PDB file of N, CA and C in Angstrom:
ATOM      1  N   MET A   1     -34.055  85.861 -31.000  1.00  0.00           N
ATOM      2  CA  MET A   1     -34.301  84.182 -30.790  1.00  0.00           C
ATOM      3  C   MET A   1     -32.791  83.739 -30.387  1.00  0.00           C
ATOM      4  N   CYS A   2     -31.728  84.133 -30.838  1.00  0.00           N
ATOM      5  CA  CYS A   2     -30.532  83.694 -30.566  1.00  0.00           C
ATOM      6  C   CYS A   2     -30.150  84.083 -29.063  1.00  0.00           C
ATOM      7  N   VAL A   3     -30.556  85.329 -28.468  1.00  0.00           N
ATOM      8  CA  VAL A   3     -30.369  85.617 -27.322  1.00  0.00           C
ATOM      9  C   VAL A   3     -31.259  84.879 -26.381  1.00  0.00           C
ATOM     10  N   ALA A   4     -32.465  84.484 -26.829  1.00  0.00           N
ATOM     11  CA  ALA A   4     -33.072  83.602 -25.860  1.00  0.00           C
ATOM     12  C   ALA A   4     -32.564  82.252 -25.603  1.00  0.00           C
ATOM     13  N   ILE A   5     -31.933  81.720 -26.707  1.00  0.00           N
ATOM     14  CA  ILE A   5     -31.303  80.443 -26.634  1.00  0.00           C
ATOM     15  C   ILE A   5     -30.008  80.654 -25.675  1.00  0.00           C
ATOM     16  N   GLN A   6     -29.150  81.687 -26.066  1.00  0.00           N
ATOM     17  CA  GLN A   6     -28.023  81.882 -25.132  1.00  0.00           C
ATOM     18  C   GLN A   6     -28.332  81.863 -23.540  1.00  0.00           C
ATOM     19  N   VAL A   7     -29.590  82.769 -23.437  1.00  0.00           N
ATOM     20  CA  VAL A   7     -29.855  82.705 -21.935  1.00  0.00           C
ATOM     21  C   VAL A   7     -30.463  81.456 -21.392  1.00  0.00           C
ATOM     22  N   MET A   8     -30.929  80.647 -22.100  1.00  0.00           N
ATOM     23  CA  MET A   8     -31.459  79.291 -21.622  1.00  0.00           C
ATOM     24  C   MET A   8     -30.203  78.427 -21.481  1.00  0.00           C
ATOM     25  N   ASN A   9     -29.010  78.619 -22.305  1.00  0.00           N
ATOM     26  CA  ASN A   9     -27.895  77.859 -22.137  1.00  0.00           C
ATOM     27  C   ASN A   9     -27.146  78.294 -21.129  1.00  0.00           C
ATOM     28  N   GLU A  10     -27.076  79.588 -20.505  1.00  0.00           N
ATOM     29  CA  GLU A  10     -26.446  79.962 -19.522  1.00  0.00           C
ATOM     30  C   GLU A  10     -27.061  79.485 -18.228  1.00  0.00           C
ATOM     31  N   ARG A  11     -28.296  79.705 -18.324  1.00  0.00           N
ATOM     32  CA  ARG A  11     -29.152  79.172 -17.036  1.00  0.00           C
ATOM     33  C   ARG A  11     -28.893  77.541 -16.826  1.00  0.00           C
ATOM     34  N   ALA A  12     -28.887  76.771 -17.882  1.00  0.00           N
ATOM     35  CA  ALA A  12     -28.605  75.149 -17.858  1.00  0.00           C
ATOM     36  C   ALA A  12     -27.310  75.160 -17.207  1.00  0.00           C
ATOM     37  N   ALA A  13     -26.394  75.822 -17.673  1.00  0.00           N
ATOM     38  CA  ALA A  13     -24.850  75.771 -17.260  1.00  0.00           C
ATOM     39  C   ALA A  13     -24.856  76.074 -15.660  1.00  0.00           C
ATOM     40  N   LYS A  14     -25.388  77.126 -15.191  1.00  0.00           N
ATOM     41  CA  LYS A  14     -25.492  77.440 -13.831  1.00  0.00           C
ATOM     42  C   LYS A  14     -25.894  76.439 -12.991  1.00  0.00           C
ATOM     43  N   GLN A  15     -27.199  75.970 -13.590  1.00  0.00           N
ATOM     44  CA  GLN A  15     -27.819  74.817 -12.739  1.00  0.00           C
ATOM     45  C   GLN A  15     -26.936  73.690 -12.692  1.00  0.00           C
ATOM     46  N   ALA A  16     -26.441  73.268 -13.762  1.00  0.00           N
ATOM     47  CA  ALA A  16     -25.443  72.160 -13.823  1.00  0.00           C
ATOM     48  C   ALA A  16     -24.377  72.190 -12.822  1.00  0.00           C
ATOM     49  N   ALA A  17     -23.744  73.628 -12.796  1.00  0.00           N
ATOM     50  CA  ALA A  17     -22.575  73.858 -11.916  1.00  0.00           C
ATOM     51  C   ALA A  17     -23.086  73.606 -10.472  1.00  0.00           C
ATOM     52  N   ALA A  18     -24.258  74.238 -10.114  1.00  0.00           N
ATOM     53  CA  ALA A  18     -24.670  74.148  -8.934  1.00  0.00           C
ATOM     54  C   ALA A  18     -24.942  72.758  -8.361  1.00  0.00           C
ATOM     55  N   SER A  19     -25.577  71.934  -9.287  1.00  0.00           N
ATOM     56  CA  SER A  19     -25.843  70.542  -8.890  1.00  0.00           C
ATOM     57  C   SER A  19     -24.481  69.726  -8.695  1.00  0.00           C
ATOM     58  N   ALA A  20     -23.532  70.162  -9.551  1.00  0.00           N
ATOM     59  CA  ALA A  20     -22.227  69.354  -9.198  1.00  0.00           C
ATOM     60  C   ALA A  20     -21.431  69.876  -7.953  1.00  0.00           C
ATOM     61  N   LYS A  21     -21.689  71.061  -7.553  1.00  0.00           N
ATOM     62  CA  LYS A  21     -21.134  71.450  -6.215  1.00  0.00           C
ATOM     63  C   LYS A  21     -21.868  70.766  -5.164  1.00  0.00           C
ATOM     64  N   MET A  22     -23.173  70.904  -5.286  1.00  0.00           N
ATOM     65  CA  MET A  22     -23.862  70.262  -4.107  1.00  0.00           C
ATOM     66  C   MET A  22     -23.487  68.791  -4.018  1.00  0.00           C
ATOM     67  N   ALA A  23     -23.206  68.094  -5.155  1.00  0.00           N
ATOM     68  CA  ALA A  23     -22.973  66.622  -5.165  1.00  0.00           C
ATOM     69  C   ALA A  23     -21.608  66.421  -4.572  1.00  0.00           C
ATOM     70  N   GLU A  24     -20.641  67.347  -4.755  1.00  0.00           N
ATOM     71  CA  GLU A  24     -19.317  67.276  -4.084  1.00  0.00           C
ATOM     72  C   GLU A  24     -19.406  67.351  -2.697  1.00  0.00           C
ATOM     73  N   LYS A  25     -20.297  68.442  -2.172  1.00  0.00           N
ATOM     74  CA  LYS A  25     -20.601  68.642  -0.758  1.00  0.00           C
ATOM     75  C   LYS A  25     -21.156  67.423  -0.107  1.00  0.00           C
ATOM     76  N   ILE A  26     -22.161  66.771  -0.696  1.00  0.00           N
ATOM     77  CA  ILE A  26     -22.827  65.589  -0.126  1.00  0.00           C
ATOM     78  C   ILE A  26     -21.712  64.583  -0.218  1.00  0.00           C
ATOM     79  N   ALA A  27     -20.874  64.351  -1.118  1.00  0.00           N
ATOM     80  CA  ALA A  27     -19.937  63.289  -1.026  1.00  0.00           C
ATOM     81  C   ALA A  27     -19.042  63.501   0.078  1.00  0.00           C
ATOM     82  N   ALA A  28     -18.573  64.678   0.296  1.00  0.00           N
ATOM     83  CA  ALA A  28     -17.551  64.882   1.334  1.00  0.00           C
ATOM     84  C   ALA A  28     -18.145  64.705   2.712  1.00  0.00           C
ATOM     85  N   ALA A  29     -19.355  65.128   2.708  1.00  0.00           N
ATOM     86  CA  ALA A  29     -20.120  64.829   4.111  1.00  0.00           C
ATOM     87  C   ALA A  29     -20.134  63.411   4.463  1.00  0.00           C
ATOM     88  N   LYS A  30     -20.528  62.594   3.347  1.00  0.00           N
ATOM     89  CA  LYS A  30     -20.758  61.110   3.577  1.00  0.00           C
ATOM     90  C   LYS A  30     -19.465  60.405   3.968  1.00  0.00           C
ATOM     91  N   ARG A  31     -18.360  60.962   3.301  1.00  0.00           N
ATOM     92  CA  ARG A  31     -16.876  60.494   3.820  1.00  0.00           C
ATOM     93  C   ARG A  31     -16.669  60.672   5.066  1.00  0.00           C
ATOM     94  N   MET A  32     -17.045  61.784   5.619  1.00  0.00           N
ATOM     95  CA  MET A  32     -16.676  62.371   6.995  1.00  0.00           C
ATOM     96  C   MET A  32     -17.602  61.554   7.844  1.00  0.00           C
ATOM     97  N   LEU A  33     -18.775  61.368   7.620  1.00  0.00           N
ATOM     98  CA  LEU A  33     -19.751  60.512   8.501  1.00  0.00           C
ATOM     99  C   LEU A  33     -19.139  59.030   8.619  1.00  0.00           C
ATOM    100  N   GLN A  34     -18.500  58.468   7.424  1.00  0.00           N
ATOM    101  CA  GLN A  34     -18.085  57.187   7.467  1.00  0.00           C
ATOM    102  C   GLN A  34     -16.859  57.117   8.267  1.00  0.00           C
ATOM    103  N   LEU A  35     -16.136  58.043   8.565  1.00  0.00           N
ATOM    104  CA  LEU A  35     -14.892  58.179   9.177  1.00  0.00           C
ATOM    105  C   LEU A  35     -15.418  58.171  10.818  1.00  0.00           C
ATOM    106  N   GLY A  36     -16.448  58.838  11.124  1.00  0.00           N
ATOM    107  CA  GLY A  36     -17.009  58.646  12.427  1.00  0.00           C
ATOM    108  C   GLY A  36     -16.225  59.455  13.416  1.00  0.00           C
ATOM    109  N   LYS A  37     -15.351  60.566  13.030  1.00  0.00           N
ATOM    110  CA  LYS A  37     -14.535  61.508  13.747  1.00  0.00           C
ATOM    111  C   LYS A  37     -15.047  62.683  13.944  1.00  0.00           C
ATOM    112  N   TYR A  38     -16.116  63.211  13.280  1.00  0.00           N
ATOM    113  CA  TYR A  38     -16.508  64.478  13.191  1.00  0.00           C
ATOM    114  C   TYR A  38     -18.031  64.604  13.803  1.00  0.00           C
ATOM    115  N   THR A  39     -18.407  65.667  14.463  1.00  0.00           N
ATOM    116  CA  THR A  39     -19.779  65.962  14.814  1.00  0.00           C
ATOM    117  C   THR A  39     -20.403  66.559  13.459  1.00  0.00           C
ATOM    118  N   PHE A  40     -21.721  66.406  13.661  1.00  0.00           N
ATOM    119  CA  PHE A  40     -22.486  66.883  12.634  1.00  0.00           C
ATOM    120  C   PHE A  40     -22.262  68.428  12.248  1.00  0.00           C
ATOM    121  N   GLU A  41     -22.039  69.061  13.263  1.00  0.00           N
ATOM    122  CA  GLU A  41     -21.833  70.629  13.252  1.00  0.00           C
ATOM    123  C   GLU A  41     -20.366  70.775  12.412  1.00  0.00           C
ATOM    124  N   GLU A  42     -19.557  69.930  12.966  1.00  0.00           N
ATOM    125  CA  GLU A  42     -18.152  70.088  12.063  1.00  0.00           C
ATOM    126  C   GLU A  42     -18.308  69.782  10.634  1.00  0.00           C
ATOM    127  N   ILE A  43     -19.012  68.803  10.467  1.00  0.00           N
ATOM    128  CA  ILE A  43     -19.158  68.291   8.944  1.00  0.00           C
ATOM    129  C   ILE A  43     -19.925  69.675   8.111  1.00  0.00           C
ATOM    130  N   ALA A  44     -21.125  70.177   8.851  1.00  0.00           N
ATOM    131  CA  ALA A  44     -21.636  71.228   8.409  1.00  0.00           C
ATOM    132  C   ALA A  44     -20.829  72.429   8.031  1.00  0.00           C
ATOM    133  N   VAL A  45     -19.899  72.762   8.775  1.00  0.00           N
ATOM    134  CA  VAL A  45     -19.043  73.717   8.647  1.00  0.00           C
ATOM    135  C   VAL A  45     -18.030  73.601   7.520  1.00  0.00           C
ATOM    136  N   VAL A  46     -17.453  72.357   7.408  1.00  0.00           N
ATOM    137  CA  VAL A  46     -16.569  72.065   6.372  1.00  0.00           C
ATOM    138  C   VAL A  46     -17.240  71.919   5.140  1.00  0.00           C
ATOM    139  N   THR A  47     -18.379  71.305   5.126  1.00  0.00           N
ATOM    140  CA  THR A  47     -19.021  71.191   3.655  1.00  0.00           C
ATOM    141  C   THR A  47     -19.974  72.311   3.256  1.00  0.00           C
ATOM    142  N   GLU A  48     -20.251  73.266   4.201  1.00  0.00           N
ATOM    143  CA  GLU A  48     -21.179  74.331   3.873  1.00  0.00           C
ATOM    144  C   GLU A  48     -22.735  73.772   3.738  1.00  0.00           C
ATOM    145  N   LEU A  49     -22.852  72.666   4.337  1.00  0.00           N
ATOM    146  CA  LEU A  49     -24.359  72.050   4.371  1.00  0.00           C
ATOM    147  C   LEU A  49     -24.824  72.460   5.720  1.00  0.00           C
ATOM    148  N   THR A  50     -26.092  72.339   5.698  1.00  0.00           N
ATOM    149  CA  THR A  50     -26.713  72.621   7.046  1.00  0.00           C
ATOM    150  C   THR A  50     -26.789  71.388   7.945  1.00  0.00           C
ATOM    151  N   VAL A  51     -26.782  71.656   9.268  1.00  0.00           N
ATOM    152  CA  VAL A  51     -26.695  70.530  10.147  1.00  0.00           C
ATOM    153  C   VAL A  51     -27.703  69.638  10.032  1.00  0.00           C
ATOM    154  N   LYS A  52     -28.808  69.987   9.527  1.00  0.00           N
ATOM    155  CA  LYS A  52     -30.053  69.256   9.169  1.00  0.00           C
ATOM    156  C   LYS A  52     -29.967  68.343   8.046  1.00  0.00           C
ATOM    157  N   GLU A  53     -29.311  68.967   6.952  1.00  0.00           N
ATOM    158  CA  GLU A  53     -28.904  67.986   5.779  1.00  0.00           C
ATOM    159  C   GLU A  53     -27.902  66.830   6.288  1.00  0.00           C
ATOM    160  N   VAL A  54     -26.768  67.404   7.057  1.00  0.00           N
ATOM    161  CA  VAL A  54     -25.948  66.379   7.441  1.00  0.00           C
ATOM    162  C   VAL A  54     -26.669  65.123   8.268  1.00  0.00           C
ATOM    163  N   GLU A  55     -27.502  65.621   9.158  1.00  0.00           N
ATOM    164  CA  GLU A  55     -28.208  64.544   9.833  1.00  0.00           C
ATOM    165  C   GLU A  55     -29.098  63.721   9.124  1.00  0.00           C
ATOM    166  N   THR A  56     -29.703  64.271   7.921  1.00  0.00           N
ATOM    167  CA  THR A  56     -30.484  63.474   7.079  1.00  0.00           C
ATOM    168  C   THR A  56     -29.540  62.438   6.393  1.00  0.00           C
ATOM    169  N   PHE A  57     -28.339  62.777   5.844  1.00  0.00           N
ATOM    170  CA  PHE A  57     -27.598  61.910   5.274  1.00  0.00           C
ATOM    171  C   PHE A  57     -26.904  60.798   6.231  1.00  0.00           C
ATOM    172  N   ALA A  58     -26.646  61.382   7.464  1.00  0.00           N
ATOM    173  CA  ALA A  58     -26.432  60.256   8.603  1.00  0.00           C
ATOM    174  C   ALA A  58     -27.419  59.050   8.724  1.00  0.00           C
ATOM    175  N   ALA A  59     -28.652  59.748   8.860  1.00  0.00           N
ATOM    176  CA  ALA A  59     -29.897  58.690   8.837  1.00  0.00           C
ATOM    177  C   ALA A  59     -29.865  57.744   7.942  1.00  0.00           C
ATOM    178  N   LYS A  60     -29.564  58.169   6.714  1.00  0.00           N
ATOM    179  CA  LYS A  60     -29.733  57.313   5.607  1.00  0.00           C
ATOM    180  C   LYS A  60     -28.754  56.348   5.390  1.00  0.00           C
ATOM    181  N   GLU A  61     -27.489  56.764   5.834  1.00  0.00           N
ATOM    182  CA  GLU A  61     -26.178  55.795   6.149  1.00  0.00           C
ATOM    183  C   GLU A  61     -26.553  54.620   7.164  1.00  0.00           C
ATOM    184  N   ASP A  62     -27.454  54.935   7.974  1.00  0.00           N
ATOM    185  CA  ASP A  62     -27.731  53.984   9.032  1.00  0.00           C
ATOM    186  C   ASP A  62     -28.608  52.983   8.553  1.00  0.00           C
ATOM    187  N   THR A  63     -29.333  53.133   7.602  1.00  0.00           N
ATOM    188  CA  THR A  63     -30.378  52.217   7.099  1.00  0.00           C
ATOM    189  C   THR A  63     -29.890  51.279   6.000  1.00  0.00           C
TER     190      THR A  63
END
């Protein structure tokens, strides 16, 4: 029983870390988009997001 709880806690911690890392990438991409100096491809390389994801954030910023 304790092992199962430990495994669940480890999974939750990994998911939380992944979510935090993705949030950081998104925030960086949005800042770069606001500067207006970078192409979608450059933002994707720097943030390790896909070009499609960057394009999606850019479209949301425009609305």
